[in-house]
Amino acid sequence: MDKHLYFIVSLKDAVRLNSELLRRGISRYYLQPHGEGVAFVFEKVSRFRRVTLQHLFRTDGELQ
């Protein structure tokens, strides 16, 4: 498991992505302000969950 996985998005995208995550039953994350956007931070992400999140956020993501 990776320590942290985070995605930085605009405020507009954050609203849409938050709804999509909740619809998929993904709730183990928190939000942090990041510049003019928002960072979705996921802790202790399994390989399967990481792939799912990367697909949802349409990115390779960044590991911390």
N, C-alpha and C. Protein backbone atom coordinates (compact mmCIF):
# COMPACT_ATOMS: atom_id res chain seq x y z
N MET A 1 0.83 -1.19 0.00
CA MET A 1 0.00 0.00 0.00
C MET A 1 0.87 1.24 0.00
N ASP A 2 0.43 2.22 -0.76
CA ASP A 2 1.13 3.49 -0.80
C ASP A 2 0.71 4.32 0.39
N LYS A 3 1.61 5.21 0.82
CA LYS A 3 1.31 6.03 1.99
C LYS A 3 0.21 7.03 1.70
N HIS A 4 0.38 7.86 0.69
CA HIS A 4 -0.63 8.85 0.32
C HIS A 4 -0.73 8.92 -1.20
N LEU A 5 -1.92 9.17 -1.67
CA LEU A 5 -2.16 9.43 -3.08
C LEU A 5 -2.99 10.69 -3.13
N TYR A 6 -2.59 11.65 -3.93
CA TYR A 6 -3.37 12.88 -3.98
C TYR A 6 -3.53 13.38 -5.39
N PHE A 7 -4.63 14.07 -5.61
CA PHE A 7 -4.97 14.64 -6.90
C PHE A 7 -5.38 16.09 -6.67
N ILE A 8 -4.85 16.99 -7.48
CA ILE A 8 -5.17 18.40 -7.35
C ILE A 8 -6.08 18.79 -8.51
N VAL A 9 -7.22 19.38 -8.16
CA VAL A 9 -8.23 19.72 -9.17
C VAL A 9 -8.78 21.12 -8.91
N SER A 10 -9.50 21.65 -9.88
CA SER A 10 -10.15 22.95 -9.71
C SER A 10 -11.36 22.80 -8.78
N LEU A 11 -11.85 23.91 -8.26
CA LEU A 11 -13.03 23.86 -7.40
C LEU A 11 -14.23 23.29 -8.14
N LYS A 12 -14.39 23.66 -9.39
CA LYS A 12 -15.51 23.17 -10.20
C LYS A 12 -15.44 21.65 -10.33
N ASP A 13 -14.25 21.13 -10.64
CA ASP A 13 -14.10 19.68 -10.77
C ASP A 13 -14.24 18.97 -9.43
N ALA A 14 -13.86 19.64 -8.35
CA ALA A 14 -13.94 19.04 -7.02
C ALA A 14 -15.38 18.67 -6.67
N VAL A 15 -16.31 19.52 -7.02
CA VAL A 15 -17.72 19.26 -6.72
C VAL A 15 -18.18 18.01 -7.46
N ARG A 16 -17.85 17.94 -8.74
CA ARG A 16 -18.24 16.79 -9.57
C ARG A 16 -17.57 15.51 -9.08
N LEU A 17 -16.27 15.57 -8.81
CA LEU A 17 -15.54 14.39 -8.37
C LEU A 17 -15.98 13.91 -7.00
N ASN A 18 -16.29 14.83 -6.10
CA ASN A 18 -16.77 14.45 -4.78
C ASN A 18 -18.07 13.66 -4.90
N SER A 19 -18.97 14.12 -5.76
CA SER A 19 -20.24 13.40 -5.98
C SER A 19 -19.99 12.02 -6.57
N GLU A 20 -19.07 11.94 -7.51
CA GLU A 20 -18.76 10.65 -8.15
C GLU A 20 -18.13 9.68 -7.15
N LEU A 21 -17.24 10.17 -6.31
CA LEU A 21 -16.62 9.31 -5.30
C LEU A 21 -17.68 8.77 -4.33
N LEU A 22 -18.57 9.62 -3.89
CA LEU A 22 -19.63 9.19 -2.98
C LEU A 22 -20.56 8.20 -3.66
N ARG A 23 -20.86 8.42 -4.93
CA ARG A 23 -21.71 7.50 -5.68
C ARG A 23 -21.08 6.11 -5.77
N ARG A 24 -19.75 6.07 -5.85
CA ARG A 24 -19.02 4.80 -5.93
C ARG A 24 -18.71 4.20 -4.55
N GLY A 25 -19.15 4.88 -3.50
CA GLY A 25 -18.91 4.37 -2.15
C GLY A 25 -17.50 4.61 -1.63
N ILE A 26 -16.79 5.53 -2.25
CA ILE A 26 -15.43 5.87 -1.82
C ILE A 26 -15.52 7.07 -0.90
N SER A 27 -15.19 6.86 0.37
CA SER A 27 -15.33 7.94 1.34
C SER A 27 -14.10 8.13 2.22
N ARG A 28 -13.08 7.35 2.03
CA ARG A 28 -11.90 7.45 2.88
C ARG A 28 -10.87 8.39 2.25
N TYR A 29 -11.18 9.67 2.30
CA TYR A 29 -10.29 10.71 1.79
C TYR A 29 -10.63 12.02 2.49
N TYR A 30 -9.73 12.97 2.34
CA TYR A 30 -10.04 14.31 2.85
C TYR A 30 -9.61 15.33 1.82
N LEU A 31 -10.13 16.53 1.95
CA LEU A 31 -9.83 17.62 1.02
C LEU A 31 -8.94 18.65 1.69
N GLN A 32 -8.01 19.19 0.92
CA GLN A 32 -7.13 20.25 1.41
C GLN A 32 -7.09 21.36 0.37
N PRO A 33 -7.11 22.62 0.81
CA PRO A 33 -6.94 23.70 -0.16
C PRO A 33 -5.55 23.62 -0.79
N HIS A 34 -5.47 23.92 -2.06
CA HIS A 34 -4.18 23.90 -2.75
C HIS A 34 -4.20 25.01 -3.80
N GLY A 35 -3.62 26.15 -3.47
CA GLY A 35 -3.65 27.29 -4.39
C GLY A 35 -5.09 27.71 -4.62
N GLU A 36 -5.47 27.76 -5.89
CA GLU A 36 -6.85 28.10 -6.23
C GLU A 36 -7.70 26.86 -6.44
N GLY A 37 -7.14 25.70 -6.12
CA GLY A 37 -7.85 24.44 -6.30
C GLY A 37 -7.99 23.68 -5.00
N VAL A 38 -8.23 22.39 -5.16
CA VAL A 38 -8.45 21.51 -4.02
C VAL A 38 -7.64 20.24 -4.25
N ALA A 39 -7.03 19.72 -3.18
CA ALA A 39 -6.35 18.43 -3.25
C ALA A 39 -7.21 17.38 -2.58
N PHE A 40 -7.49 16.30 -3.31
CA PHE A 40 -8.13 15.12 -2.73
C PHE A 40 -6.99 14.24 -2.23
N VAL A 41 -6.99 13.93 -0.94
CA VAL A 41 -5.91 13.15 -0.35
C VAL A 41 -6.46 11.81 0.13
N PHE A 42 -5.85 10.74 -0.34
CA PHE A 42 -6.25 9.38 0.01
C PHE A 42 -5.09 8.74 0.76
N GLU A 43 -5.36 8.15 1.91
CA GLU A 43 -4.32 7.51 2.70
C GLU A 43 -4.42 6.00 2.56
N LYS A 44 -3.28 5.33 2.62
CA LYS A 44 -3.21 3.87 2.59
C LYS A 44 -4.06 3.29 1.46
N VAL A 45 -3.63 3.58 0.24
CA VAL A 45 -4.37 3.18 -0.96
C VAL A 45 -3.83 1.86 -1.49
N SER A 46 -4.72 0.89 -1.71
CA SER A 46 -4.31 -0.38 -2.30
C SER A 46 -4.04 -0.17 -3.79
N ARG A 47 -3.37 -1.13 -4.40
CA ARG A 47 -3.06 -1.04 -5.82
C ARG A 47 -4.35 -0.95 -6.65
N PHE A 48 -5.35 -1.75 -6.31
CA PHE A 48 -6.62 -1.73 -7.03
C PHE A 48 -7.30 -0.37 -6.89
N ARG A 49 -7.35 0.16 -5.68
CA ARG A 49 -8.00 1.45 -5.45
C ARG A 49 -7.24 2.55 -6.18
N ARG A 50 -5.90 2.47 -6.20
CA ARG A 50 -5.09 3.48 -6.89
C ARG A 50 -5.43 3.52 -8.38
N VAL A 51 -5.55 2.35 -8.99
CA VAL A 51 -5.90 2.28 -10.42
C VAL A 51 -7.29 2.86 -10.65
N THR A 52 -8.24 2.53 -9.77
CA THR A 52 -9.60 3.05 -9.87
C THR A 52 -9.60 4.57 -9.78
N LEU A 53 -8.89 5.11 -8.82
CA LEU A 53 -8.84 6.56 -8.62
C LEU A 53 -8.14 7.26 -9.79
N GLN A 54 -7.07 6.67 -10.28
CA GLN A 54 -6.37 7.27 -11.41
C GLN A 54 -7.27 7.33 -12.63
N HIS A 55 -8.08 6.30 -12.83
CA HIS A 55 -9.02 6.31 -13.95
C HIS A 55 -10.07 7.40 -13.73
N LEU A 56 -10.61 7.49 -12.53
CA LEU A 56 -11.64 8.49 -12.22
C LEU A 56 -11.10 9.92 -12.39
N PHE A 57 -9.89 10.16 -11.93
CA PHE A 57 -9.30 11.50 -12.01
C PHE A 57 -8.60 11.74 -13.36
N ARG A 58 -8.57 10.69 -14.20
CA ARG A 58 -7.96 10.77 -15.55
C ARG A 58 -6.51 11.26 -15.50
N THR A 59 -5.75 10.62 -14.62
CA THR A 59 -4.34 11.01 -14.47
C THR A 59 -3.55 9.84 -13.92
N ASP A 60 -2.24 9.99 -13.91
CA ASP A 60 -1.38 9.00 -13.28
C ASP A 60 -1.27 9.23 -11.78
N GLY A 61 -1.68 10.42 -11.32
CA GLY A 61 -1.60 10.74 -9.89
C GLY A 61 -0.17 11.02 -9.45
N GLU A 62 -0.03 11.44 -8.23
CA GLU A 62 1.27 11.72 -7.65
C GLU A 62 1.33 11.07 -6.29
N LEU A 63 2.41 10.37 -6.03
CA LEU A 63 2.57 9.73 -4.73
C LEU A 63 3.39 10.62 -3.82
N GLN A 64 3.02 10.61 -2.55
CA GLN A 64 3.75 11.41 -1.57
C GLN A 64 4.40 10.45 -0.59
